[in-house]
Amino acid sequence: MLDRQKTDWLFNFIGKPVLMGLFVAAMLMLVFPEFRISPDSRDLIDEQEQSSRLDKWSGPVSYASAVSRAAPSVVNIYTRKVNRASQHPLLKDPFFRRLYNYQQQRIQSSLGSGVIMQEDGFVVTNNHVVDDVDEILVLLYDGREVPAVIVGTDPETDLAVLKLQVDQVQPISVGEPAQAKIGDVVLAIGNPYGVGQTVTQGIVSATGRNGLGLNTFENFIQTDADINPGNSGGALIDAYGNLLGINTATLTRSGSAGIGFAIPADAVEKVLNDIIQYGRVIRGWLGMDAFPLTPQIANQLKLGVSQGLWVQSVVNGGPAFRANIRPRDIVISINGMPVTDRHSSVSQIAEVMPGRLIELEILRETETFTVTAVAGSRPPSQ
């Protein structure tokens, strides 16, 4: 009798909860089949998750499709310049001419690259590739050699626009350089050392580089793709064959291999469209000379700000003059954006179309106030 009571007690205390748990588990597996995962299924799910992560991080094995898409739009540029030496009076005599084997003309040849931007034959290259030359010959991807004429140049960005008198050319597809991220794969296409069209591969090393002293307006894409002499004016493309920029320069200091710079494609399109439409690039201008305010200078002068542009001079009658900006004023912000460095501020003002308003926050001695200037048109090479 005692054993029976003990058995009933154990059943009620332990057995019933266990049976209830098993019953609930069975009902859950019946209602929710996804709970019934075998070890093999779990391994399969793990493999799928790992494969998904690999797909997310891995890139194409080959960039051949990107190159085949962009390469027909990249051209080789060959230029010739005739240097005419001044004549000494004695060299007019045939005897002295033969004696000194005098040459009245000396022909210099150089090379570079360019990118076809429009199907009607407009090509963009670097200004330094075609600056002060007498003849330009362009070699197309299909082997045709055609002459080119300069439509316009923009030394402040080191860009030039050429026109080819030729049919059936393939313009490049323009990408979105503003979306480029550090680490993105990029390819440089050009004509290094005149060996013919060559492709080099690298990554985006940095964006928005300025203050290098190469151009007036700098917003470079930095890359470690090899850019050698002759690559200037060629294309920097993304992994899908879209133009990200025009290769323009490399850092040539000792030990600086793998540091190249490209002008972003959106800036290139701005120069191209302005030159075609207006004959030159149209940029905003305030007519004042300013230098960056450093924390050291601000501390010495006991100013209430540590960043800004110290106005050194103002063009008489210019936009800044008419807005009552004076020398020794400090520009704190432009159109609501704090001033961080001179290059960014100059570019910001240049992007404003002439006739549009520019709002500037000014610190004059201890007073801070806001003025509104009407942007003028930036004179050439200013």
Protein backbone atom coordinates (compact mmCIF):
# COMPACT_ATOMS: atom_id res chain seq x y z
CA MET A 1 0.00 0.00 0.00
CA LEU A 2 2.83 2.36 0.88
CA ASP A 3 4.62 1.53 -2.40
CA ARG A 4 1.45 2.30 -4.35
CA GLN A 5 1.07 5.70 -2.72
CA LYS A 6 4.73 6.46 -3.38
CA THR A 7 4.33 5.50 -7.04
CA ASP A 8 1.23 7.69 -7.41
CA TRP A 9 3.04 10.60 -5.80
CA LEU A 10 6.05 10.27 -8.15
CA PHE A 11 3.74 10.07 -11.15
CA ASN A 12 1.80 13.17 -10.16
CA PHE A 13 4.92 15.15 -9.22
CA ILE A 14 7.23 14.16 -12.09
CA GLY A 15 5.43 12.10 -14.68
CA LYS A 16 2.58 14.45 -15.47
CA PRO A 17 4.81 17.51 -16.14
CA VAL A 18 7.10 15.40 -18.34
CA LEU A 19 4.18 14.02 -20.32
CA MET A 20 2.68 17.50 -20.64
CA GLY A 21 6.01 18.85 -21.92
CA LEU A 22 6.30 16.08 -24.50
CA PHE A 23 2.73 16.73 -25.60
CA VAL A 24 3.34 20.45 -26.01
CA ALA A 25 6.57 19.79 -27.93
CA ALA A 26 4.77 17.40 -30.27
CA MET A 27 2.04 19.96 -30.92
CA LEU A 28 4.60 22.68 -31.64
CA MET A 29 6.43 20.48 -34.13
CA LEU A 30 3.12 19.62 -35.76
CA VAL A 31 2.00 23.26 -36.04
CA PHE A 32 5.46 24.69 -36.87
CA PRO A 33 7.29 22.28 -39.25
CA GLU A 34 10.35 24.53 -39.40
CA PHE A 35 11.23 23.35 -35.87
CA ARG A 36 11.86 19.89 -37.26
CA ILE A 37 15.44 20.55 -38.49
CA SER A 38 17.72 17.62 -38.96
CA PRO A 39 21.48 17.92 -38.48
CA ASP A 40 21.91 17.69 -42.25
CA SER A 41 19.41 20.51 -42.75
CA ARG A 42 21.22 22.66 -40.23
CA ASP A 43 24.52 22.07 -42.07
CA LEU A 44 22.82 23.04 -45.35
CA ILE A 45 21.49 26.27 -43.84
CA ASP A 46 24.92 27.12 -42.45
CA GLU A 47 26.45 26.54 -45.90
CA GLN A 48 23.83 28.80 -47.52
CA GLU A 49 24.44 31.57 -45.01
CA GLN A 50 28.19 31.33 -45.55
CA SER A 51 27.71 31.35 -49.32
CA SER A 52 25.49 34.42 -49.02
CA ARG A 53 28.17 36.22 -47.02
CA LEU A 54 30.80 35.29 -49.58
CA ASP A 55 28.61 36.54 -52.45
CA LYS A 56 28.18 39.83 -50.63
CA TRP A 57 31.92 40.39 -50.18
CA SER A 58 33.39 38.84 -53.33
CA GLY A 59 33.84 40.68 -56.63
CA PRO A 60 34.12 39.46 -60.21
CA VAL A 61 36.99 37.14 -61.02
CA SER A 62 37.64 39.01 -64.27
CA TYR A 63 37.14 42.62 -65.31
CA ALA A 64 37.21 41.81 -69.01
CA SER A 65 33.60 42.86 -69.52
CA ALA A 66 34.25 46.26 -67.91
CA VAL A 67 37.32 46.80 -70.10
CA SER A 68 35.53 45.71 -73.28
CA ARG A 69 32.77 48.20 -72.48
CA ALA A 70 35.03 51.17 -71.79
CA ALA A 71 38.16 50.59 -73.89
CA PRO A 72 36.63 51.62 -77.27
CA SER A 73 35.99 55.08 -75.76
CA VAL A 74 39.62 55.64 -74.73
CA VAL A 75 41.93 57.11 -77.38
CA ASN A 76 45.66 57.65 -77.74
CA ILE A 77 46.72 61.25 -78.37
CA TYR A 78 49.90 62.20 -80.21
CA THR A 79 50.95 65.85 -80.45
CA ARG A 80 53.62 67.77 -82.32
CA LYS A 81 55.09 71.15 -81.54
CA VAL A 82 57.47 73.07 -83.75
CA ASN A 83 60.07 75.09 -81.85
CA ARG A 84 61.37 77.94 -83.97
CA ALA A 85 64.76 79.20 -82.83
CA SER A 86 65.77 82.80 -83.29
CA GLN A 87 68.28 83.36 -86.08
CA HIS A 88 71.70 84.85 -85.60
CA PRO A 89 72.60 87.21 -88.47
CA LEU A 90 75.65 85.12 -89.40
CA LEU A 91 73.47 82.07 -89.89
CA LYS A 92 71.81 83.69 -92.87
CA ASP A 93 75.01 83.00 -94.75
CA PRO A 94 74.88 79.51 -96.41
CA PHE A 95 78.49 78.79 -95.40
CA PHE A 96 77.90 79.32 -91.69
CA ARG A 97 74.58 77.47 -91.96
CA ARG A 98 76.37 74.36 -93.28
CA LEU A 99 79.22 74.77 -90.80
CA TYR A 100 76.94 74.69 -87.77
CA ASN A 101 74.41 72.29 -89.33
CA TYR A 102 71.78 74.79 -88.19
CA GLN A 103 68.18 73.73 -87.90
CA GLN A 104 65.57 76.48 -88.08
CA GLN A 105 62.88 74.24 -86.67
CA ARG A 106 62.92 71.51 -84.07
CA ILE A 107 59.90 69.25 -83.77
CA GLN A 108 58.89 67.96 -80.35
CA SER A 109 56.51 65.05 -80.03
CA SER A 110 54.59 63.99 -76.96
CA LEU A 111 51.76 61.67 -76.13
CA GLY A 112 48.77 61.27 -73.87
CA SER A 113 45.31 59.78 -73.69
CA GLY A 114 41.73 60.98 -74.01
CA VAL A 115 38.15 59.82 -73.51
CA ILE A 116 35.29 60.07 -76.00
CA MET A 117 32.44 61.73 -74.10
CA GLN A 118 29.83 62.22 -76.84
CA GLU A 119 28.96 60.34 -79.99
CA ASP A 120 29.46 63.48 -82.11
CA GLY A 121 33.20 63.28 -81.46
CA PHE A 122 33.88 65.40 -78.38
CA VAL A 123 36.90 64.12 -76.46
CA VAL A 124 38.18 65.19 -73.04
CA THR A 125 41.85 65.07 -72.09
CA ASN A 126 44.25 66.96 -69.83
CA ASN A 127 45.11 70.51 -70.76
CA HIS A 128 48.81 69.83 -70.25
CA VAL A 129 48.63 67.13 -72.95
CA VAL A 130 47.60 69.60 -75.68
CA ASP A 131 48.85 72.91 -74.30
CA ASP A 132 50.67 75.04 -76.90
CA VAL A 133 50.93 72.32 -79.55
CA ASP A 134 50.73 72.71 -83.35
CA GLU A 135 49.19 69.40 -84.33
CA ILE A 136 47.04 66.78 -82.60
CA LEU A 137 46.55 63.27 -83.95
CA VAL A 138 44.17 60.82 -82.27
CA LEU A 139 44.40 57.06 -82.61
CA LEU A 140 41.02 55.39 -82.11
CA TYR A 141 40.48 51.95 -80.61
CA ASP A 142 39.62 50.49 -84.02
CA GLY A 143 42.91 51.68 -85.49
CA ARG A 144 41.72 54.81 -87.29
CA GLU A 145 43.96 57.88 -87.08
CA VAL A 146 42.13 61.21 -87.19
CA PRO A 147 43.16 64.81 -86.56
CA ALA A 148 41.64 66.75 -83.67
CA VAL A 149 41.11 70.43 -82.95
CA ILE A 150 40.94 72.12 -79.56
CA VAL A 151 37.44 73.41 -78.77
CA GLY A 152 38.38 74.93 -75.42
CA THR A 153 40.57 74.51 -72.37
CA ASP A 154 40.24 74.97 -68.62
CA PRO A 155 43.70 75.29 -67.06
CA GLU A 156 42.17 75.65 -63.60
CA THR A 157 41.11 71.98 -63.69
CA ASP A 158 43.76 70.90 -66.25
CA LEU A 159 41.09 69.79 -68.72
CA ALA A 160 40.73 70.34 -72.46
CA VAL A 161 37.96 69.52 -74.92
CA LEU A 162 38.84 68.27 -78.41
CA LYS A 163 36.65 67.66 -81.47
CA LEU A 164 37.13 64.79 -83.88
CA GLN A 165 35.80 65.03 -87.42
CA VAL A 166 34.83 61.39 -87.58
CA ASP A 167 31.74 59.21 -87.52
CA GLN A 168 30.88 56.09 -85.55
CA VAL A 169 32.66 56.64 -82.29
CA GLN A 170 31.57 55.12 -78.99
CA PRO A 171 31.11 57.50 -76.03
CA ILE A 172 31.92 56.19 -72.60
CA SER A 173 29.26 55.46 -69.99
CA VAL A 174 29.60 57.95 -67.12
CA GLY A 175 29.33 56.61 -63.57
CA GLU A 176 28.73 58.29 -60.22
CA PRO A 177 32.04 59.33 -58.66
CA ALA A 178 30.21 60.75 -55.64
CA GLN A 179 29.19 57.19 -54.76
CA ALA A 180 32.74 55.81 -55.00
CA LYS A 181 33.94 54.30 -51.74
CA ILE A 182 37.44 53.74 -50.44
CA GLY A 183 38.32 50.16 -51.35
CA ASP A 184 36.28 50.03 -54.57
CA VAL A 185 38.08 48.34 -57.46
CA VAL A 186 39.04 50.73 -60.27
CA LEU A 187 40.83 50.35 -63.60
CA ALA A 188 43.01 52.92 -65.38
CA ILE A 189 43.02 52.82 -69.19
CA GLY A 190 45.52 54.84 -71.19
CA ASN A 191 48.62 54.91 -73.39
CA PRO A 192 51.62 54.79 -71.01
CA TYR A 193 54.97 55.54 -72.64
CA GLY A 194 53.31 55.21 -76.05
CA VAL A 195 53.26 51.40 -75.91
CA GLY A 196 49.56 51.32 -76.80
CA GLN A 197 46.36 51.04 -74.82
CA THR A 198 47.04 49.49 -71.43
CA VAL A 199 44.86 48.62 -68.44
CA THR A 200 46.04 48.73 -64.83
CA GLN A 201 44.03 47.76 -61.77
CA GLY A 202 43.82 49.15 -58.24
CA ILE A 203 41.40 50.52 -55.68
CA VAL A 204 40.03 53.89 -54.67
CA SER A 205 42.54 55.03 -52.03
CA ALA A 206 40.82 58.29 -51.07
CA THR A 207 38.23 60.77 -52.31
CA GLY A 208 38.00 64.55 -52.18
CA ARG A 209 41.76 65.11 -52.19
CA ASN A 210 42.71 68.79 -52.45
CA GLY A 211 45.45 71.16 -51.40
CA LEU A 212 48.03 69.39 -53.56
CA GLY A 213 48.89 72.47 -55.59
CA LEU A 214 48.27 70.72 -58.91
CA ASN A 215 45.21 72.70 -60.03
CA THR A 216 43.20 75.68 -58.85
CA PHE A 217 40.16 73.46 -58.29
CA GLU A 218 40.97 70.08 -56.76
CA ASN A 219 38.62 67.31 -55.71
CA PHE A 220 40.65 64.31 -56.77
CA ILE A 221 39.90 60.62 -56.60
CA GLN A 222 43.11 59.01 -55.36
CA THR A 223 43.97 55.55 -56.62
CA ASP A 224 46.85 53.09 -56.50
CA ALA A 225 46.23 51.92 -60.08
CA ASP A 226 49.44 52.57 -62.03
CA ILE A 227 49.29 55.89 -63.89
CA ASN A 228 52.42 56.48 -65.96
CA PRO A 229 53.49 59.16 -68.47
CA GLY A 230 51.09 58.89 -71.39
CA ASN A 231 48.18 57.88 -69.13
CA SER A 232 47.31 61.56 -68.62
CA GLY A 233 43.82 62.24 -69.93
CA GLY A 234 42.85 58.57 -69.87
CA ALA A 235 39.93 56.94 -68.09
CA LEU A 236 39.54 55.74 -64.53
CA ILE A 237 36.60 53.34 -64.60
CA ASP A 238 34.72 51.25 -62.05
CA ALA A 239 34.35 47.46 -62.12
CA TYR A 240 31.40 47.78 -64.51
CA GLY A 241 33.10 49.96 -67.13
CA ASN A 242 31.63 53.33 -66.08
CA LEU A 243 33.80 56.45 -66.10
CA LEU A 244 34.71 57.67 -62.61
CA GLY A 245 37.35 60.20 -63.56
CA ILE A 246 40.06 61.46 -65.90
CA ASN A 247 43.55 60.42 -64.84
CA THR A 248 45.63 63.54 -64.47
CA ALA A 249 48.70 63.17 -62.24
CA THR A 250 50.82 61.04 -60.00
CA LEU A 251 52.79 61.96 -56.91
CA THR A 252 56.40 61.91 -58.06
CA ARG A 253 58.23 62.19 -54.77
CA SER A 254 60.66 59.47 -53.80
CA GLY A 255 58.84 56.37 -52.59
CA SER A 256 55.44 57.61 -53.78
CA ALA A 257 54.60 54.74 -56.12
CA GLY A 258 50.93 53.89 -56.26
CA ILE A 259 49.60 57.40 -55.63
CA GLY A 260 47.66 58.69 -58.62
CA PHE A 261 44.89 61.25 -59.00
CA ALA A 262 41.84 61.52 -61.23
CA ILE A 263 39.43 64.41 -61.82
CA PRO A 264 35.89 63.21 -60.96
CA ALA A 265 33.59 62.58 -63.92
CA ASP A 266 30.92 65.03 -62.76
CA ALA A 267 33.48 67.87 -62.78
CA VAL A 268 34.60 66.71 -66.23
CA GLU A 269 31.03 66.88 -67.56
CA LYS A 270 30.64 70.40 -66.15
CA VAL A 271 33.75 71.57 -68.01
CA LEU A 272 32.70 69.76 -71.20
CA ASN A 273 29.16 71.17 -71.28
CA ASP A 274 30.25 74.73 -70.44
CA ILE A 275 32.95 74.80 -73.10
CA ILE A 276 30.57 73.45 -75.74
CA GLN A 277 27.83 75.92 -74.77
CA TYR A 278 29.76 79.04 -73.75
CA GLY A 279 33.28 78.53 -75.06
CA ARG A 280 34.66 78.60 -71.51
CA VAL A 281 33.80 77.34 -68.05
CA ILE A 282 31.33 79.52 -66.13
CA ARG A 283 32.01 79.76 -62.39
CA GLY A 284 30.85 81.92 -59.53
CA TRP A 285 33.14 84.61 -58.09
CA LEU A 286 33.13 86.97 -55.13
CA GLY A 287 36.20 89.09 -55.86
CA MET A 288 38.14 88.75 -52.66
CA ASP A 289 41.47 87.27 -51.66
CA ALA A 290 41.46 85.29 -48.42
CA PHE A 291 43.67 82.80 -46.62
CA PRO A 292 42.76 80.12 -44.07
CA LEU A 293 42.55 81.10 -40.43
CA THR A 294 44.64 78.68 -38.39
CA PRO A 295 44.06 77.97 -34.70
CA GLN A 296 47.47 79.51 -33.96
CA ILE A 297 46.59 82.80 -35.65
CA ALA A 298 43.16 82.81 -34.02
CA ASN A 299 44.76 82.28 -30.62
CA GLN A 300 47.31 85.06 -31.14
CA LEU A 301 44.60 87.50 -32.22
CA LYS A 302 42.29 86.29 -29.45
CA LEU A 303 39.44 85.65 -31.86
CA GLY A 304 36.28 83.86 -30.89
CA VAL A 305 36.60 81.36 -33.75
CA SER A 306 39.28 78.89 -34.76
CA GLN A 307 38.24 78.29 -38.40
CA GLY A 308 37.40 80.58 -41.26
CA LEU A 309 38.79 82.66 -44.12
CA TRP A 310 40.68 85.83 -43.27
CA VAL A 311 39.85 88.40 -45.97
CA GLN A 312 43.10 89.96 -47.12
CA SER A 313 41.82 92.17 -49.95
CA VAL A 314 38.60 92.92 -51.83
CA VAL A 315 38.29 93.79 -55.53
CA ASN A 316 36.93 97.31 -55.86
CA GLY A 317 33.40 97.14 -57.27
CA GLY A 318 33.30 93.32 -57.10
CA PRO A 319 30.55 91.19 -55.52
CA ALA A 320 32.22 91.10 -52.09
CA PHE A 321 32.81 94.86 -52.18
CA ARG A 322 29.15 95.50 -53.00
CA ALA A 323 28.13 93.18 -50.12
CA ASN A 324 30.15 95.41 -47.73
CA ILE A 325 32.81 92.78 -47.00
CA ARG A 326 36.04 94.43 -45.88
CA PRO A 327 39.66 93.39 -45.40
CA ARG A 328 40.29 91.74 -42.01
CA ASP A 329 36.78 90.29 -41.97
CA ILE A 330 36.58 86.57 -41.25
CA VAL A 331 34.20 84.42 -43.30
CA ILE A 332 32.81 81.78 -40.94
CA SER A 333 30.29 80.03 -43.19
CA ILE A 334 29.12 80.05 -46.82
CA ASN A 335 25.50 79.24 -47.58
CA GLY A 336 25.15 77.72 -44.12
CA MET A 337 28.18 75.44 -44.46
CA PRO A 338 31.06 76.09 -42.02
CA VAL A 339 34.34 77.09 -43.62
CA THR A 340 36.89 74.31 -43.06
CA ASP A 341 39.55 75.00 -45.70
CA ARG A 342 40.21 77.46 -48.49
CA HIS A 343 40.08 74.93 -51.35
CA SER A 344 36.63 73.65 -50.43
CA SER A 345 35.31 77.19 -50.02
CA VAL A 346 36.71 78.37 -53.37
CA SER A 347 35.13 75.35 -55.07
CA GLN A 348 31.85 75.96 -53.26
CA ILE A 349 31.71 79.56 -54.50
CA ALA A 350 32.73 78.51 -58.02
CA GLU A 351 29.79 76.10 -58.20
CA VAL A 352 27.32 78.98 -57.76
CA MET A 353 26.09 80.27 -61.11
CA PRO A 354 26.70 83.99 -61.67
CA GLY A 355 23.66 86.02 -60.63
CA ARG A 356 22.73 83.66 -57.81
CA LEU A 357 22.86 84.71 -54.17
CA ILE A 358 25.58 83.62 -51.75
CA GLU A 359 25.01 84.01 -48.02
CA LEU A 360 28.11 84.56 -45.89
CA GLU A 361 28.45 84.69 -42.13
CA ILE A 362 31.05 87.30 -41.19
CA LEU A 363 32.99 87.97 -38.00
CA ARG A 364 34.17 91.58 -37.82
CA GLU A 365 36.13 92.28 -34.65
CA THR A 366 33.63 91.06 -32.03
CA GLU A 367 30.46 91.29 -34.11
CA THR A 368 28.98 88.41 -36.10
CA PHE A 369 26.49 89.11 -38.88
CA THR A 370 25.25 87.75 -42.21
CA VAL A 371 25.59 89.36 -45.64
CA THR A 372 24.19 88.34 -49.00
CA ALA A 373 26.33 88.74 -52.12
CA VAL A 374 25.35 88.29 -55.75
CA ALA A 375 27.82 85.93 -57.39
CA GLY A 376 29.78 87.39 -60.27
CA SER A 377 31.44 85.52 -63.14
CA ARG A 378 34.93 84.31 -62.33
CA PRO A 379 37.46 85.85 -64.72
CA PRO A 380 39.62 83.38 -66.64
CA SER A 381 42.62 82.06 -64.69
CA GLN A 382 41.62 83.84 -61.47
